[in-house]
C-alpha atoms as a PDB file:
ATOM      1  CA  MET A   1      89.553  20.268  70.381  1.00  0.00           C
ATOM      2  CA  ARG A   2      87.566  18.962  67.418  1.00  0.00           C
ATOM      3  CA  PHE A   3      88.983  21.747  65.267  1.00  0.00           C
ATOM      4  CA  ILE A   4      92.536  20.587  65.967  1.00  0.00           C
ATOM      5  CA  PHE A   5      91.508  16.983  65.298  1.00  0.00           C
ATOM      6  CA  TRP A   6      90.069  17.861  61.877  1.00  0.00           C
ATOM      7  CA  ILE A   7      93.188  19.840  60.961  1.00  0.00           C
ATOM      8  CA  LEU A   8      95.424  16.902  61.893  1.00  0.00           C
ATOM      9  CA  ALA A   9      93.261  14.272  60.187  1.00  0.00           C
ATOM     10  CA  GLY A  10      92.793  16.508  57.140  1.00  0.00           C
ATOM     11  CA  GLY A  11      96.504  17.193  56.896  1.00  0.00           C
ATOM     12  CA  VAL A  12      97.425  13.510  57.009  1.00  0.00           C
ATOM     13  CA  ALA A  13      94.671  12.511  54.573  1.00  0.00           C
ATOM     14  CA  GLY A  14      95.440  15.358  52.154  1.00  0.00           C
ATOM     15  CA  TRP A  15      99.170  14.599  52.246  1.00  0.00           C
ATOM     16  CA  LEU A  16      98.623  10.881  51.590  1.00  0.00           C
ATOM     17  CA  ALA A  17      96.158  11.584  48.782  1.00  0.00           C
ATOM     18  CA  SER A  18      98.561  14.065  47.152  1.00  0.00           C
ATOM     19  CA  LEU A  19     101.309  11.421  47.213  1.00  0.00           C
ATOM     20  CA  VAL A  20      99.058   8.777  45.659  1.00  0.00           C
ATOM     21  CA  THR A  21      97.652  11.053  42.952  1.00  0.00           C
ATOM     22  CA  GLY A  22     101.022  12.629  42.120  1.00  0.00           C
ATOM     23  CA  THR A  23     100.134  16.185  43.094  1.00  0.00           C
ATOM     24  CA  GLY A  24     102.375  16.302  46.167  1.00  0.00           C
ATOM     25  CA  LYS A  25     105.064  18.535  44.695  1.00  0.00           C
ATOM     26  CA  ARG A  26     102.610  21.291  43.820  1.00  0.00           C
ATOM     27  CA  MET A  27     100.697  21.346  47.096  1.00  0.00           C
ATOM     28  CA  GLY A  28     101.775  22.960  50.324  1.00  0.00           C
ATOM     29  CA  CYS A  29     100.801  22.106  53.871  1.00  0.00           C
ATOM     30  CA  LEU A  30      97.766  24.413  53.974  1.00  0.00           C
ATOM     31  CA  LEU A  31      96.379  23.070  50.707  1.00  0.00           C
ATOM     32  CA  ASN A  32      96.883  19.497  51.952  1.00  0.00           C
ATOM     33  CA  VAL A  33      94.822  20.296  55.049  1.00  0.00           C
ATOM     34  CA  LEU A  34      92.063  21.954  53.006  1.00  0.00           C
ATOM     35  CA  VAL A  35      91.921  19.059  50.530  1.00  0.00           C
ATOM     36  CA  GLY A  36      91.844  16.599  53.429  1.00  0.00           C
ATOM     37  CA  ILE A  37      88.988  18.398  55.164  1.00  0.00           C
ATOM     38  CA  ALA A  38      87.028  18.634  51.910  1.00  0.00           C
ATOM     39  CA  GLY A  39      87.920  14.992  51.319  1.00  0.00           C
ATOM     40  CA  ALA A  40      86.417  14.083  54.689  1.00  0.00           C
ATOM     41  CA  ALA A  41      83.102  15.545  53.563  1.00  0.00           C
ATOM     42  CA  ILE A  42      83.281  13.782  50.186  1.00  0.00           C
ATOM     43  CA  GLY A  43      84.452  10.507  51.721  1.00  0.00           C
ATOM     44  CA  GLY A  44      81.704  10.641  54.335  1.00  0.00           C
ATOM     45  CA  TRP A  45      79.138  11.144  51.587  1.00  0.00           C
ATOM     46  CA  VAL A  46      80.551   8.263  49.489  1.00  0.00           C
ATOM     47  CA  PHE A  47      80.687   5.853  52.438  1.00  0.00           C
ATOM     48  CA  GLU A  48      77.180   6.854  53.486  1.00  0.00           C
ATOM     49  CA  ARG A  49      75.891   5.974  50.016  1.00  0.00           C
ATOM     50  CA  LEU A  50      77.776   2.656  49.951  1.00  0.00           C
ATOM     51  CA  GLN A  51      76.896   1.536  53.487  1.00  0.00           C
ATOM     52  CA  GLY A  52      73.501   3.111  53.887  1.00  0.00           C
ATOM     53  CA  SER A  53      74.680   4.830  57.062  1.00  0.00           C
ATOM     54  CA  ARG A  54      77.241   7.430  58.029  1.00  0.00           C
ATOM     55  CA  PRO A  55      80.718   6.204  58.884  1.00  0.00           C
ATOM     56  CA  ILE A  56      81.604   6.584  62.550  1.00  0.00           C
ATOM     57  CA  ILE A  57      84.406   9.116  62.719  1.00  0.00           C
ATOM     58  CA  GLY A  58      85.854  11.208  65.481  1.00  0.00           C
ATOM     59  CA  PRO A  59      88.829  11.738  67.747  1.00  0.00           C
ATOM     60  CA  GLY A  60      88.668   8.207  69.163  1.00  0.00           C
ATOM     61  CA  LEU A  61      88.911   6.698  65.694  1.00  0.00           C
ATOM     62  CA  PHE A  62      91.744   8.738  64.167  1.00  0.00           C
ATOM     63  CA  TRP A  63      92.859   6.242  61.517  1.00  0.00           C
ATOM     64  CA  GLN A  64      89.310   5.426  60.406  1.00  0.00           C
ATOM     65  CA  THR A  65      88.672   9.143  60.015  1.00  0.00           C
ATOM     66  CA  VAL A  66      91.914   9.571  58.060  1.00  0.00           C
ATOM     67  CA  GLY A  67      90.894   6.642  55.828  1.00  0.00           C
ATOM     68  CA  VAL A  68      87.508   8.133  55.013  1.00  0.00           C
ATOM     69  CA  ALA A  69      89.086  11.563  54.408  1.00  0.00           C
ATOM     70  CA  PHE A  70      91.837   9.987  52.283  1.00  0.00           C
ATOM     71  CA  VAL A  71      89.308   8.316  49.967  1.00  0.00           C
ATOM     72  CA  GLY A  72      87.422  11.587  49.545  1.00  0.00           C
ATOM     73  CA  ALA A  73      90.604  13.634  49.074  1.00  0.00           C
ATOM     74  CA  ALA A  74      91.910  11.219  46.441  1.00  0.00           C
ATOM     75  CA  ILE A  75      88.589  11.421  44.585  1.00  0.00           C
ATOM     76  CA  LEU A  76      88.728  15.225  44.772  1.00  0.00           C
ATOM     77  CA  LEU A  77      92.319  15.408  43.494  1.00  0.00           C
ATOM     78  CA  VAL A  78      91.653  12.994  40.613  1.00  0.00           C
ATOM     79  CA  ILE A  79      88.618  15.032  39.539  1.00  0.00           C
ATOM     80  CA  LEU A  80      90.612  18.275  39.777  1.00  0.00           C
ATOM     81  CA  ARG A  81      93.423  16.746  37.684  1.00  0.00           C
ATOM     82  CA  LEU A  82      90.914  15.663  35.028  1.00  0.00           C
ATOM     83  CA  PHE A  83      89.436  19.156  34.783  1.00  0.00           C
ATOM     84  CA  SER A  84      92.756  20.992  34.892  1.00  0.00           C
ATOM     85  CA  GLY A  85      94.152  18.954  32.003  1.00  0.00           C
ATOM     86  CA  LYS A  86      97.488  18.348  33.774  1.00  0.00           C
ATOM     87  CA  ARG A  87      98.619  14.747  33.624  1.00  0.00           C
END
């Protein structure tokens, strides 16, 4: 069940981050999910450093999890855009 949760949260977070960063037209559904899941790891790390503790995420807190993953996914996509040279 957790696997399905992370796919859903990652998909939503990756899709939102791709819209905000302007990479939405080049990314498909699978890449959105992968970026969102990677973003969850990055976002969790960032929030842990800022708060001094891990953010509470999980199936009961879907939108909080999506928010943390969105922040991390947006950071990831901005860094990838900087290194790829595409503006």
